[in-house]
């Protein structure tokens, strides 16, 4: 999917929270090197490395790690990755204190992953040049205070993070209420995504789905009901 456009989905089976699950970091090619969207929980780095080798890349090719938010299944393996890679770390400014250790993760339940300093604090609308065209940061709070999704207008592709999921009974669904502290804001974020021209979506939980704006609008109407 979308690999000719320089975007690669990396499904990785992991154990997290006492459960077996598959998480889906994404690699984006750029002239400067690789951009990694989310890392995975502790232990995910080996899986990342395996995928990159299959793509004829190395971990050292990663120049930027962009976290959609601070949850442990997205950021828990970051410290391990940075032991092996000299990469810049970016996340939304509302997420930065949780990643850096100034605040405890909201869903940590008394334990946390090793804190990591943030180099770039993102805001809504920031764009990065990539082989796939501009990659725009879209603020989609609710699942986490500063949750972001990434939008590629050239390919009409959305990397949703946890603002949407694709691991349920239907191809694309809204955020899971159980793991979404501010559900009303999360519903508003689905509305934000519905305003974009999207044909393909990558969810961190569920991976790639051939669904976009029409389905996201349906989801927003359902969530508002």
C-alpha atoms as a PDB file:
ATOM      1  CA  UNK A   1       0.000   0.000   0.000  1.00  0.00           C
ATOM      2  CA  UNK A   2       1.223   3.451  -0.938  1.00  0.00           C
ATOM      3  CA  UNK A   3       4.799   2.181  -0.981  1.00  0.00           C
ATOM      4  CA  UNK A   4       5.506   3.785  -4.346  1.00  0.00           C
ATOM      5  CA  UNK A   5       4.662   7.090  -2.675  1.00  0.00           C
ATOM      6  CA  UNK A   6       7.279   6.548   0.026  1.00  0.00           C
ATOM      7  CA  UNK A   7       4.987   5.504   2.875  1.00  0.00           C
ATOM      8  CA  UNK A   8       5.447   2.076   4.446  1.00  0.00           C
ATOM      9  CA  UNK A   9       3.196   0.457   7.055  1.00  0.00           C
ATOM     10  CA  UNK A  10       5.060  -1.759   9.537  1.00  0.00           C
ATOM     11  CA  UNK A  11       2.767  -4.173  11.431  1.00  0.00           C
ATOM     12  CA  UNK A  12       4.592  -5.547  14.476  1.00  0.00           C
ATOM     13  CA  UNK A  13       3.234  -8.256  16.826  1.00  0.00           C
ATOM     14  CA  UNK A  14       4.011  -7.318  20.436  1.00  0.00           C
ATOM     15  CA  UNK A  15       3.045  -8.119  24.004  1.00  0.00           C
ATOM     16  CA  UNK A  16       1.632  -5.122  25.820  1.00  0.00           C
ATOM     17  CA  UNK A  17      -0.426  -4.883  28.972  1.00  0.00           C
ATOM     18  CA  UNK A  18      -0.442  -8.650  29.286  1.00  0.00           C
ATOM     19  CA  UNK A  19      -1.974  -9.067  25.839  1.00  0.00           C
ATOM     20  CA  UNK A  20      -0.740 -10.052  22.406  1.00  0.00           C
ATOM     21  CA  UNK A  21      -1.544  -7.415  19.822  1.00  0.00           C
ATOM     22  CA  UNK A  22      -0.285  -5.968  16.567  1.00  0.00           C
ATOM     23  CA  UNK A  23       0.751  -2.324  16.422  1.00  0.00           C
ATOM     24  CA  UNK A  24       1.373  -0.388  13.237  1.00  0.00           C
ATOM     25  CA  UNK A  25       4.159   2.205  13.155  1.00  0.00           C
ATOM     26  CA  UNK A  26       4.634   3.895   9.791  1.00  0.00           C
ATOM     27  CA  UNK A  27       7.794   4.889   7.923  1.00  0.00           C
ATOM     28  CA  UNK A  28       7.820   7.898   5.608  1.00  0.00           C
ATOM     29  CA  UNK A  29      10.696   8.554   3.239  1.00  0.00           C
ATOM     30  CA  UNK A  30      12.145  12.049   2.925  1.00  0.00           C
ATOM     31  CA  UNK A  31      15.213  13.603   1.317  1.00  0.00           C
ATOM     32  CA  UNK A  32      16.749  13.912   4.786  1.00  0.00           C
ATOM     33  CA  UNK A  33      16.094  10.308   5.765  1.00  0.00           C
ATOM     34  CA  UNK A  34      13.270   8.271   7.255  1.00  0.00           C
ATOM     35  CA  UNK A  35      10.493   9.659   9.436  1.00  0.00           C
ATOM     36  CA  UNK A  36       9.101   7.131  11.917  1.00  0.00           C
ATOM     37  CA  UNK A  37       5.526   7.728  13.027  1.00  0.00           C
ATOM     38  CA  UNK A  38       5.305   6.086  16.468  1.00  0.00           C
ATOM     39  CA  UNK A  39       7.723   3.475  17.796  1.00  0.00           C
ATOM     40  CA  UNK A  40       5.735   0.843  19.638  1.00  0.00           C
ATOM     41  CA  UNK A  41       6.051  -0.480  23.197  1.00  0.00           C
ATOM     42  CA  UNK A  42       9.280  -1.766  24.758  1.00  0.00           C
ATOM     43  CA  UNK A  43      10.633  -4.587  22.621  1.00  0.00           C
ATOM     44  CA  UNK A  44       9.266  -3.292  19.321  1.00  0.00           C
ATOM     45  CA  UNK A  45      12.614  -2.057  17.997  1.00  0.00           C
ATOM     46  CA  UNK A  46      13.678  -5.477  16.724  1.00  0.00           C
ATOM     47  CA  UNK A  47      10.498  -5.657  14.677  1.00  0.00           C
ATOM     48  CA  UNK A  48      11.157  -2.195  13.284  1.00  0.00           C
ATOM     49  CA  UNK A  49      14.651  -3.224  12.308  1.00  0.00           C
ATOM     50  CA  UNK A  50      13.403  -6.343  10.534  1.00  0.00           C
ATOM     51  CA  UNK A  51      10.924  -4.327   8.475  1.00  0.00           C
ATOM     52  CA  UNK A  52      13.534  -1.719   7.577  1.00  0.00           C
ATOM     53  CA  UNK A  53      15.989  -4.336   6.389  1.00  0.00           C
ATOM     54  CA  UNK A  54      13.300  -5.757   4.116  1.00  0.00           C
ATOM     55  CA  UNK A  55      12.946  -2.245   2.684  1.00  0.00           C
ATOM     56  CA  UNK A  56      16.748  -2.038   2.313  1.00  0.00           C
ATOM     57  CA  UNK A  57      17.070   0.534   5.100  1.00  0.00           C
ATOM     58  CA  UNK A  58      18.704   0.498   8.531  1.00  0.00           C
ATOM     59  CA  UNK A  59      17.640   1.964  11.866  1.00  0.00           C
ATOM     60  CA  UNK A  60      20.333   4.594  11.349  1.00  0.00           C
ATOM     61  CA  UNK A  61      18.359   5.944   8.403  1.00  0.00           C
ATOM     62  CA  UNK A  62      15.712   7.294  10.803  1.00  0.00           C
ATOM     63  CA  UNK A  63      16.265  11.019  11.312  1.00  0.00           C
ATOM     64  CA  UNK A  64      12.929  11.943  12.915  1.00  0.00           C
ATOM     65  CA  UNK A  65      10.620  10.096  15.292  1.00  0.00           C
ATOM     66  CA  UNK A  66       7.182  11.708  15.427  1.00  0.00           C
ATOM     67  CA  UNK A  67       4.872  10.481  18.183  1.00  0.00           C
ATOM     68  CA  UNK A  68       1.150  10.809  17.630  1.00  0.00           C
ATOM     69  CA  UNK A  69       0.799  10.811  21.436  1.00  0.00           C
ATOM     70  CA  UNK A  70       2.426   9.592  24.630  1.00  0.00           C
ATOM     71  CA  UNK A  71       0.679   6.274  25.359  1.00  0.00           C
ATOM     72  CA  UNK A  72       3.099   3.452  26.185  1.00  0.00           C
ATOM     73  CA  UNK A  73       2.152   1.300  23.205  1.00  0.00           C
ATOM     74  CA  UNK A  74       3.259   4.177  20.941  1.00  0.00           C
ATOM     75  CA  UNK A  75       6.173   5.693  22.878  1.00  0.00           C
ATOM     76  CA  UNK A  76       7.353   2.973  25.252  1.00  0.00           C
ATOM     77  CA  UNK A  77      10.122   1.745  22.947  1.00  0.00           C
ATOM     78  CA  UNK A  78      11.486   5.210  22.182  1.00  0.00           C
ATOM     79  CA  UNK A  79      14.321   5.190  24.729  1.00  0.00           C
ATOM     80  CA  UNK A  80      15.457   1.799  23.441  1.00  0.00           C
ATOM     81  CA  UNK A  81      15.440   3.096  19.865  1.00  0.00           C
ATOM     82  CA  UNK A  82      17.452   6.191  20.807  1.00  0.00           C
ATOM     83  CA  UNK A  83      20.142   3.998  22.317  1.00  0.00           C
ATOM     84  CA  UNK A  84      20.820   2.866  18.758  1.00  0.00           C
ATOM     85  CA  UNK A  85      19.807   5.859  16.645  1.00  0.00           C
ATOM     86  CA  UNK A  86      20.651   9.558  16.828  1.00  0.00           C
ATOM     87  CA  UNK A  87      17.215  10.832  15.836  1.00  0.00           C
ATOM     88  CA  UNK A  88      15.221  13.992  16.461  1.00  0.00           C
ATOM     89  CA  UNK A  89      12.052  13.465  18.536  1.00  0.00           C
ATOM     90  CA  UNK A  90       8.845  15.405  17.913  1.00  0.00           C
ATOM     91  CA  UNK A  91       5.388  15.383  19.433  1.00  0.00           C
ATOM     92  CA  UNK A  92       2.632  17.884  20.118  1.00  0.00           C
ATOM     93  CA  UNK A  93       3.450  20.408  22.812  1.00  0.00           C
ATOM     94  CA  UNK A  94       0.585  19.065  24.953  1.00  0.00           C
ATOM     95  CA  UNK A  95       2.136  15.584  24.819  1.00  0.00           C
ATOM     96  CA  UNK A  96       5.751  16.613  25.452  1.00  0.00           C
ATOM     97  CA  UNK A  97       5.564  16.743  29.293  1.00  0.00           C
ATOM     98  CA  UNK A  98       4.295  13.157  29.437  1.00  0.00           C
ATOM     99  CA  UNK A  99       7.053  11.829  27.197  1.00  0.00           C
ATOM    100  CA  UNK A 100       9.825  13.798  28.924  1.00  0.00           C
ATOM    101  CA  UNK A 101       8.829  12.726  32.437  1.00  0.00           C
ATOM    102  CA  UNK A 102       7.507  16.057  33.714  1.00  0.00           C
ATOM    103  CA  UNK A 103       4.098  14.398  34.021  1.00  0.00           C
ATOM    104  CA  UNK A 104       3.083  10.792  34.489  1.00  0.00           C
ATOM    105  CA  UNK A 105       1.332   9.219  31.486  1.00  0.00           C
ATOM    106  CA  UNK A 106      -2.420   9.476  31.849  1.00  0.00           C
ATOM    107  CA  UNK A 107      -2.997   5.729  31.371  1.00  0.00           C
ATOM    108  CA  UNK A 108       0.186   4.489  33.072  1.00  0.00           C
ATOM    109  CA  UNK A 109      -1.535   2.845  36.068  1.00  0.00           C
ATOM    110  CA  UNK A 110       1.473   3.532  38.285  1.00  0.00           C
ATOM    111  CA  UNK A 111       4.269   2.568  35.898  1.00  0.00           C
ATOM    112  CA  UNK A 112       5.887   4.342  33.001  1.00  0.00           C
ATOM    113  CA  UNK A 113       8.425   3.894  30.241  1.00  0.00           C
ATOM    114  CA  UNK A 114      11.840   5.639  30.382  1.00  0.00           C
ATOM    115  CA  UNK A 115      11.391   9.371  29.748  1.00  0.00           C
ATOM    116  CA  UNK A 116      12.900  10.969  26.659  1.00  0.00           C
ATOM    117  CA  UNK A 117      13.588  14.633  25.867  1.00  0.00           C
ATOM    118  CA  UNK A 118      11.533  16.220  23.108  1.00  0.00           C
ATOM    119  CA  UNK A 119      13.403  18.194  20.439  1.00  0.00           C
ATOM    120  CA  UNK A 120      10.440  19.610  18.496  1.00  0.00           C
ATOM    121  CA  UNK A 121       7.077  20.551  19.975  1.00  0.00           C
ATOM    122  CA  UNK A 122       4.457  20.421  17.265  1.00  0.00           C
ATOM    123  CA  UNK A 123       1.352  22.502  16.684  1.00  0.00           C
ATOM    124  CA  UNK A 124      -1.589  22.020  14.355  1.00  0.00           C
ATOM    125  CA  UNK A 125      -0.811  22.705  10.704  1.00  0.00           C
ATOM    126  CA  UNK A 126       2.960  22.150  10.793  1.00  0.00           C
ATOM    127  CA  UNK A 127       4.164  20.505   7.572  1.00  0.00           C
ATOM    128  CA  UNK A 128       7.167  18.350   6.784  1.00  0.00           C
ATOM    129  CA  UNK A 129       8.445  17.740   3.237  1.00  0.00           C
ATOM    130  CA  UNK A 130       8.511  14.051   2.300  1.00  0.00           C
ATOM    131  CA  UNK A 131       8.782  11.876  -0.790  1.00  0.00           C
ATOM    132  CA  UNK A 132       4.995  11.435  -0.461  1.00  0.00           C
ATOM    133  CA  UNK A 133       4.473  15.185  -0.616  1.00  0.00           C
ATOM    134  CA  UNK A 134       3.840  17.466   2.336  1.00  0.00           C
ATOM    135  CA  UNK A 135       2.982  15.706   5.593  1.00  0.00           C
ATOM    136  CA  UNK A 136       0.664  17.897   7.643  1.00  0.00           C
ATOM    137  CA  UNK A 137       0.173  17.665  11.393  1.00  0.00           C
ATOM    138  CA  UNK A 138      -3.531  17.614  12.255  1.00  0.00           C
ATOM    139  CA  UNK A 139      -4.451  18.147  15.900  1.00  0.00           C
ATOM    140  CA  UNK A 140      -6.909  15.394  16.904  1.00  0.00           C
ATOM    141  CA  UNK A 141      -7.140  15.599  20.720  1.00  0.00           C
ATOM    142  CA  UNK A 142      -9.397  13.439  22.855  1.00  0.00           C
ATOM    143  CA  UNK A 143      -7.676  10.071  22.979  1.00  0.00           C
ATOM    144  CA  UNK A 144      -4.796  12.070  24.497  1.00  0.00           C
ATOM    145  CA  UNK A 145      -4.546  15.820  25.201  1.00  0.00           C
ATOM    146  CA  UNK A 146      -2.227  16.553  22.272  1.00  0.00           C
ATOM    147  CA  UNK A 147      -2.941  13.618  19.993  1.00  0.00           C
ATOM    148  CA  UNK A 148      -2.083  14.312  16.345  1.00  0.00           C
ATOM    149  CA  UNK A 149      -2.771  12.578  13.057  1.00  0.00           C
ATOM    150  CA  UNK A 150      -0.711  13.014   9.876  1.00  0.00           C
ATOM    151  CA  UNK A 151      -2.267  13.924   6.542  1.00  0.00           C
ATOM    152  CA  UNK A 152      -0.725  13.556   3.087  1.00  0.00           C
ATOM    153  CA  UNK A 153      -2.879  15.623   0.718  1.00  0.00           C
ATOM    154  CA  UNK A 154      -0.978  14.524  -2.389  1.00  0.00           C
ATOM    155  CA  UNK A 155      -1.933  10.881  -1.885  1.00  0.00           C
ATOM    156  CA  UNK A 156      -5.118  11.624   0.075  1.00  0.00           C
ATOM    157  CA  UNK A 157      -3.710   9.452   2.842  1.00  0.00           C
ATOM    158  CA  UNK A 158      -4.359   9.779   6.571  1.00  0.00           C
ATOM    159  CA  UNK A 159      -2.195   8.234   9.281  1.00  0.00           C
ATOM    160  CA  UNK A 160      -4.741   8.450  12.070  1.00  0.00           C
ATOM    161  CA  UNK A 161      -2.818   7.255  15.118  1.00  0.00           C
ATOM    162  CA  UNK A 162      -5.561   6.308  17.613  1.00  0.00           C
ATOM    163  CA  UNK A 163      -8.060   8.946  16.454  1.00  0.00           C
ATOM    164  CA  UNK A 164      -9.587   6.094  14.433  1.00  0.00           C
ATOM    165  CA  UNK A 165      -9.189   2.310  14.689  1.00  0.00           C
ATOM    166  CA  UNK A 166      -9.441  -0.559  12.219  1.00  0.00           C
ATOM    167  CA  UNK A 167      -9.211  -3.601  14.476  1.00  0.00           C
ATOM    168  CA  UNK A 168     -12.923  -4.048  15.142  1.00  0.00           C
ATOM    169  CA  UNK A 169     -15.771  -5.685  13.283  1.00  0.00           C
ATOM    170  CA  UNK A 170     -16.009  -2.886  10.724  1.00  0.00           C
ATOM    171  CA  UNK A 171     -13.244  -1.681   8.372  1.00  0.00           C
ATOM    172  CA  UNK A 172     -12.926   1.716  10.083  1.00  0.00           C
ATOM    173  CA  UNK A 173     -14.314   2.830  13.425  1.00  0.00           C
ATOM    174  CA  UNK A 174     -14.060   5.730  15.823  1.00  0.00           C
ATOM    175  CA  UNK A 175     -11.789   5.929  18.868  1.00  0.00           C
ATOM    176  CA  UNK A 176     -12.378   3.378  21.603  1.00  0.00           C
ATOM    177  CA  UNK A 177     -14.234   5.019  24.520  1.00  0.00           C
ATOM    178  CA  UNK A 178     -12.512   2.764  27.060  1.00  0.00           C
ATOM    179  CA  UNK A 179      -9.123   4.241  26.149  1.00  0.00           C
ATOM    180  CA  UNK A 180     -10.288   7.790  25.354  1.00  0.00           C
ATOM    181  CA  UNK A 181     -10.409  10.064  28.418  1.00  0.00           C
ATOM    182  CA  UNK A 182     -12.039  12.983  26.583  1.00  0.00           C
ATOM    183  CA  UNK A 183     -14.519  11.364  24.253  1.00  0.00           C
ATOM    184  CA  UNK A 184     -16.336  14.576  23.358  1.00  0.00           C
ATOM    185  CA  UNK A 185     -13.092  16.118  22.105  1.00  0.00           C
ATOM    186  CA  UNK A 186     -12.304  12.897  20.266  1.00  0.00           C
ATOM    187  CA  UNK A 187     -15.647  13.081  18.442  1.00  0.00           C
ATOM    188  CA  UNK A 188     -14.848  16.668  17.454  1.00  0.00           C
ATOM    189  CA  UNK A 189     -11.516  15.387  16.131  1.00  0.00           C
ATOM    190  CA  UNK A 190     -13.312  12.841  13.945  1.00  0.00           C
ATOM    191  CA  UNK A 191     -15.252  15.796  12.533  1.00  0.00           C
ATOM    192  CA  UNK A 192     -11.950  17.552  11.835  1.00  0.00           C
ATOM    193  CA  UNK A 193     -10.733  14.519   9.879  1.00  0.00           C
ATOM    194  CA  UNK A 194     -14.028  14.260   8.003  1.00  0.00           C
ATOM    195  CA  UNK A 195     -13.338  17.696   6.505  1.00  0.00           C
ATOM    196  CA  UNK A 196     -10.197  16.389   4.775  1.00  0.00           C
ATOM    197  CA  UNK A 197     -10.074  14.728   1.364  1.00  0.00           C
ATOM    198  CA  UNK A 198      -9.068  11.184   2.340  1.00  0.00           C
ATOM    199  CA  UNK A 199      -9.130   7.990   0.289  1.00  0.00           C
ATOM    200  CA  UNK A 200      -6.842   5.744   2.386  1.00  0.00           C
ATOM    201  CA  UNK A 201      -6.346   5.492   6.137  1.00  0.00           C
ATOM    202  CA  UNK A 202      -3.697   3.891   8.335  1.00  0.00           C
ATOM    203  CA  UNK A 203      -4.695   3.195  11.942  1.00  0.00           C
ATOM    204  CA  UNK A 204      -2.151   2.273  14.581  1.00  0.00           C
ATOM    205  CA  UNK A 205      -4.527  -0.469  15.662  1.00  0.00           C
ATOM    206  CA  UNK A 206      -5.633  -2.272  12.533  1.00  0.00           C
ATOM    207  CA  UNK A 207      -3.261  -0.922   9.903  1.00  0.00           C
ATOM    208  CA  UNK A 208      -4.210   0.094   6.367  1.00  0.00           C
ATOM    209  CA  UNK A 209      -7.822   0.330   5.217  1.00  0.00           C
ATOM    210  CA  UNK A 210      -9.198   1.445   1.878  1.00  0.00           C
ATOM    211  CA  UNK A 211     -11.623   3.875   3.493  1.00  0.00           C
ATOM    212  CA  UNK A 212     -11.622   7.631   3.819  1.00  0.00           C
ATOM    213  CA  UNK A 213     -13.754  10.744   4.015  1.00  0.00           C
ATOM    214  CA  UNK A 214     -17.143   9.159   3.340  1.00  0.00           C
ATOM    215  CA  UNK A 215     -16.706   6.573   6.092  1.00  0.00           C
ATOM    216  CA  UNK A 216     -15.251   9.126   8.510  1.00  0.00           C
ATOM    217  CA  UNK A 217     -18.293  11.365   8.011  1.00  0.00           C
ATOM    218  CA  UNK A 218     -20.543   8.384   8.736  1.00  0.00           C
ATOM    219  CA  UNK A 219     -18.576   7.692  11.901  1.00  0.00           C
ATOM    220  CA  UNK A 220     -18.951  11.275  13.071  1.00  0.00           C
ATOM    221  CA  UNK A 221     -22.711  11.155  12.591  1.00  0.00           C
ATOM    222  CA  UNK A 222     -22.902   7.876  14.510  1.00  0.00           C
ATOM    223  CA  UNK A 223     -20.764   9.181  17.353  1.00  0.00           C
ATOM    224  CA  UNK A 224     -22.834  12.343  17.665  1.00  0.00           C
ATOM    225  CA  UNK A 225     -26.106  10.412  17.886  1.00  0.00           C
END
